[in-house]
Protein backbone atom coordinates (compact mmCIF):
# COMPACT_ATOMS: atom_id res chain seq x y z
CA MET A 1 -31.99 13.90 -65.74
CA ASN A 2 -32.87 11.88 -62.62
CA THR A 3 -34.70 9.30 -64.73
CA ARG A 4 -31.64 8.80 -66.89
CA ARG A 5 -29.34 8.52 -63.89
CA ASN A 6 -31.65 5.93 -62.35
CA LEU A 7 -31.61 3.99 -65.62
CA LEU A 8 -27.80 4.03 -65.71
CA ALA A 9 -27.64 2.96 -62.08
CA GLY A 10 -29.88 0.03 -62.88
CA MET A 11 -27.71 -0.91 -65.84
CA SER A 12 -24.66 -0.75 -63.59
CA LEU A 13 -26.13 -3.14 -61.06
CA ALA A 14 -27.25 -5.51 -63.80
CA ALA A 15 -23.79 -5.52 -65.34
CA LEU A 16 -22.13 -6.33 -62.03
CA GLY A 17 -24.64 -9.05 -61.30
CA GLY A 18 -23.89 -11.04 -64.45
CA ALA A 19 -22.84 -10.69 -68.06
CA ILE A 20 -25.33 -9.92 -70.80
CA TRP A 21 -24.71 -12.46 -73.53
CA TYR A 22 -25.08 -11.67 -77.22
CA GLY A 23 -24.80 -14.88 -79.17
CA VAL A 24 -23.43 -18.12 -77.75
CA PRO A 25 -20.30 -18.23 -75.54
CA GLU A 26 -17.49 -20.67 -76.16
CA VAL A 27 -17.95 -23.85 -74.17
CA VAL A 28 -15.26 -25.02 -71.78
CA GLY A 29 -14.63 -28.73 -72.14
CA GLY A 30 -14.42 -29.28 -75.88
CA SER A 31 -17.92 -29.01 -77.35
CA LYS A 32 -18.04 -26.89 -80.49
CA PRO A 33 -19.84 -23.54 -80.14
CA ARG A 34 -22.61 -22.75 -82.57
CA LYS A 35 -22.04 -20.12 -85.21
CA VAL A 36 -23.57 -16.79 -84.17
CA SER A 37 -24.07 -13.38 -85.75
CA ARG A 38 -21.78 -10.56 -84.72
CA PRO A 39 -22.93 -7.48 -82.79
CA PRO A 40 -23.78 -4.76 -85.33
CA PHE A 41 -20.92 -2.41 -84.51
CA ALA A 42 -20.33 0.29 -87.11
CA ASN A 43 -17.03 -0.41 -88.89
CA VAL A 44 -16.26 3.29 -89.32
CA ALA A 45 -12.87 4.83 -89.99
CA LEU A 46 -11.27 6.41 -86.91
CA TYR A 47 -7.92 7.95 -86.00
CA THR A 48 -5.80 7.07 -82.98
CA GLN A 49 -4.00 9.62 -80.83
CA ASP A 50 -0.95 8.93 -83.03
CA GLY A 51 -2.87 9.84 -86.19
CA VAL A 52 -3.10 6.26 -87.46
CA GLU A 53 -6.25 5.48 -89.43
CA VAL A 54 -8.08 2.36 -88.28
CA HIS A 55 -11.46 0.74 -88.91
CA PHE A 56 -13.33 0.14 -85.70
CA TYR A 57 -14.41 -3.46 -86.11
CA ASP A 58 -11.83 -4.81 -88.53
CA ASP A 59 -8.77 -3.35 -86.81
CA LEU A 60 -9.77 -2.87 -83.18
CA VAL A 61 -12.44 -5.39 -82.23
CA ARG A 62 -12.26 -8.44 -84.48
CA GLY A 63 -11.11 -11.46 -82.46
CA LYS A 64 -10.19 -9.37 -79.40
CA VAL A 65 -11.24 -8.80 -75.80
CA VAL A 66 -11.99 -5.10 -75.44
CA ALA A 67 -13.20 -2.44 -73.01
CA ILE A 68 -14.71 0.69 -74.62
CA ASN A 69 -15.89 4.00 -73.18
CA MET A 70 -16.90 7.46 -74.39
CA MET A 71 -15.24 10.68 -73.16
CA TYR A 72 -14.00 14.08 -74.28
CA VAL A 73 -10.95 16.07 -73.33
CA HIS A 74 -12.59 19.25 -72.02
CA CYS A 75 -15.24 17.43 -69.98
CA ASP A 76 -15.65 18.92 -66.51
CA GLY A 77 -17.96 16.14 -65.36
CA ILE A 78 -17.19 12.44 -64.96
CA CYS A 79 -14.52 12.12 -67.68
CA PRO A 80 -11.43 12.99 -65.59
CA THR A 81 -12.49 10.65 -62.79
CA MET A 82 -13.41 7.93 -65.29
CA THR A 83 -10.03 8.20 -67.02
CA ALA A 84 -8.21 8.11 -63.67
CA ASN A 85 -10.15 4.99 -62.70
CA LEU A 86 -9.41 3.31 -66.03
CA ARG A 87 -5.75 4.07 -65.44
CA LYS A 88 -6.04 1.86 -62.34
CA VAL A 89 -7.55 -0.82 -64.56
CA GLN A 90 -4.58 -0.37 -66.90
CA GLU A 91 -2.18 -0.98 -64.02
CA LEU A 92 -4.05 -4.08 -62.84
CA LEU A 93 -4.04 -5.55 -66.35
CA GLY A 94 -0.25 -5.29 -66.49
CA SER A 95 1.23 -7.22 -69.41
CA ARG A 96 -2.25 -8.35 -70.54
CA LEU A 97 -2.93 -4.82 -71.82
CA GLY A 98 -2.16 -4.63 -75.52
CA ARG A 99 -1.66 -8.40 -75.70
CA ASP A 100 -4.82 -10.05 -74.39
CA ILE A 101 -6.99 -7.02 -73.56
CA PHE A 102 -7.42 -3.74 -75.45
CA MET A 103 -8.90 -0.51 -74.12
CA TYR A 104 -10.51 2.17 -76.32
CA SER A 105 -11.70 5.65 -75.35
CA ILE A 106 -13.74 7.37 -78.07
CA THR A 107 -14.25 11.13 -78.00
CA LEU A 108 -17.72 12.64 -77.96
CA GLN A 109 -16.28 15.87 -79.42
CA PRO A 110 -14.45 14.73 -82.56
CA HIS A 111 -14.63 18.25 -84.00
CA LEU A 112 -12.42 19.45 -81.12
CA ASP A 113 -10.50 16.36 -80.04
CA THR A 114 -7.99 15.92 -82.85
CA PRO A 115 -5.36 13.18 -82.67
CA GLN A 116 -2.90 15.78 -81.35
CA VAL A 117 -5.30 16.85 -78.57
CA LEU A 118 -5.98 13.22 -77.63
CA LYS A 119 -2.27 12.42 -77.64
CA ALA A 120 -1.56 15.20 -75.15
CA TYR A 121 -4.45 13.98 -72.99
CA ALA A 122 -3.22 10.38 -73.10
CA GLU A 123 0.32 11.42 -72.17
CA LYS A 124 -0.99 13.56 -69.32
CA HIS A 125 -2.80 10.54 -67.88
CA GLY A 126 0.07 8.08 -68.32
CA VAL A 127 -1.67 5.91 -70.90
CA LYS A 128 0.31 2.84 -72.00
CA PRO A 129 0.31 0.87 -75.27
CA GLY A 130 -2.87 -1.14 -75.64
CA TRP A 131 -5.11 1.78 -74.65
CA LEU A 132 -6.10 3.93 -77.63
CA PHE A 133 -7.89 7.28 -77.73
CA LEU A 134 -9.95 7.63 -80.88
CA THR A 135 -11.54 10.36 -82.98
CA GLY A 136 -13.06 10.60 -86.44
CA GLU A 137 -15.72 12.31 -88.49
CA PRO A 138 -18.60 13.49 -86.25
CA GLU A 139 -21.25 11.48 -88.09
CA ASP A 140 -19.09 8.34 -88.02
CA VAL A 141 -18.52 8.72 -84.28
CA ARG A 142 -22.25 9.21 -83.77
CA ARG A 143 -23.04 6.04 -85.76
CA LEU A 144 -20.48 4.11 -83.74
CA ARG A 145 -21.80 5.45 -80.44
CA TYR A 146 -25.31 4.33 -81.32
CA SER A 147 -24.16 0.89 -82.47
CA LEU A 148 -22.35 0.42 -79.15
CA GLY A 149 -25.48 1.35 -77.19
CA PHE A 150 -24.09 4.62 -75.82
CA PHE A 151 -27.13 6.79 -76.45
CA ASP A 152 -30.30 8.10 -74.86
CA PRO A 153 -33.65 7.66 -76.65
CA VAL A 154 -34.58 11.26 -75.78
CA PRO A 155 -32.81 13.48 -78.37
CA GLU A 156 -32.49 16.48 -76.05
CA VAL A 157 -30.80 14.35 -73.42
CA ASP A 158 -28.65 12.51 -75.96
CA ASP A 159 -27.32 15.81 -77.32
CA ASP A 160 -26.35 17.06 -73.84
CA LEU A 161 -22.74 15.98 -73.31
CA SER A 162 -22.94 16.80 -69.61
CA THR A 163 -25.22 13.78 -69.15
CA HIS A 164 -23.27 11.25 -71.21
CA THR A 165 -23.02 7.70 -69.98
CA GLY A 166 -20.25 6.55 -67.66
CA MET A 167 -20.46 2.94 -68.79
CA LEU A 168 -17.94 0.55 -70.32
CA ARG A 169 -18.85 -1.80 -73.13
CA ILE A 170 -16.79 -4.93 -72.41
CA GLY A 171 -16.67 -7.89 -74.74
CA ASN A 172 -14.93 -10.81 -76.35
CA ASP A 173 -15.59 -10.73 -80.09
CA ARG A 174 -14.29 -14.23 -80.76
CA ALA A 175 -16.60 -15.80 -78.19
CA GLN A 176 -19.46 -13.31 -78.70
CA ARG A 177 -19.62 -12.47 -75.01
CA TRP A 178 -20.65 -8.85 -74.36
CA THR A 179 -21.70 -6.93 -71.30
CA MET A 180 -21.50 -3.49 -69.69
CA ALA A 181 -20.04 -2.21 -66.43
CA PRO A 182 -19.89 1.22 -64.79
CA ALA A 183 -16.55 2.89 -65.52
CA LEU A 184 -16.51 4.46 -62.05
CA CYS A 185 -16.83 1.26 -60.03
CA GLU A 186 -13.78 -0.16 -58.27
CA ALA A 187 -11.03 -1.18 -60.68
CA PRO A 188 -10.86 -4.79 -59.39
CA ARG A 189 -14.57 -5.21 -60.17
CA ILE A 190 -14.00 -3.99 -63.72
CA ILE A 191 -11.17 -6.51 -64.03
CA ALA A 192 -13.55 -9.22 -62.77
CA THR A 193 -16.04 -8.28 -65.51
CA ILE A 194 -13.29 -8.38 -68.14
CA ASN A 195 -12.18 -11.78 -66.88
CA HIS A 196 -15.78 -12.97 -67.06
CA VAL A 197 -15.87 -12.48 -70.84
CA ASP A 198 -12.25 -13.50 -71.45
CA THR A 199 -12.56 -17.20 -72.23
CA SER A 200 -8.82 -17.77 -71.73
CA MET A 201 -9.30 -16.80 -68.08
CA VAL A 202 -12.39 -19.01 -67.81
CA VAL A 203 -10.45 -21.99 -69.20
CA THR A 204 -7.53 -21.34 -66.84
CA ARG A 205 -9.86 -21.20 -63.84
CA TYR A 206 -11.69 -24.35 -64.99
CA ARG A 207 -8.39 -26.26 -65.22
CA GLN A 208 -7.34 -25.00 -61.79
CA LEU A 209 -10.60 -26.26 -60.31
CA GLU A 210 -10.18 -29.62 -62.06
CA ALA A 211 -6.63 -29.94 -60.72
CA THR A 212 -7.70 -29.23 -57.15
CA GLY A 213 -11.01 -31.08 -57.30
């Protein structure tokens, strides 16, 4: 348990210190980025809290900037605090949520967390459009969790929901910029990590610096 917590703490510090790049980021200033392979995310079928069937990569990630975490409704550990903190992120994103940035919370208990259960949970926490809660077939959710990197190499630890990760997978599919950040860190720092992978924000900042420099 302590070893795993130390590992997650180390990952958190690494994520805040700088993005982990998979592939080649878009280049500000006009040079053409090289073609890169996509992260191997499982393109499984899922259901939103409204009962809409979606495919994870094709419908939710392709060409988007996203922030993804794992949770479950009846969690008595970090989930309630994590959701409350992500609600602060939702407020700070404002009109960018659902337009420029998309948030996804995937249940670790798909056999219990039906779309109806997730919908009630989302409504309880004041979730706005652009933030989806997702469920699906247990094996599909497991495949997706592993492809996102939300797993422990020790099976006994991985199967214990009380020790599940409190990390966010944050990325920009179009630019192939991916990193992780702790979901319980201060909301402005999560926003800073999102902005770090959002090339539209990088371009805006670059132009501001050019104008003032």
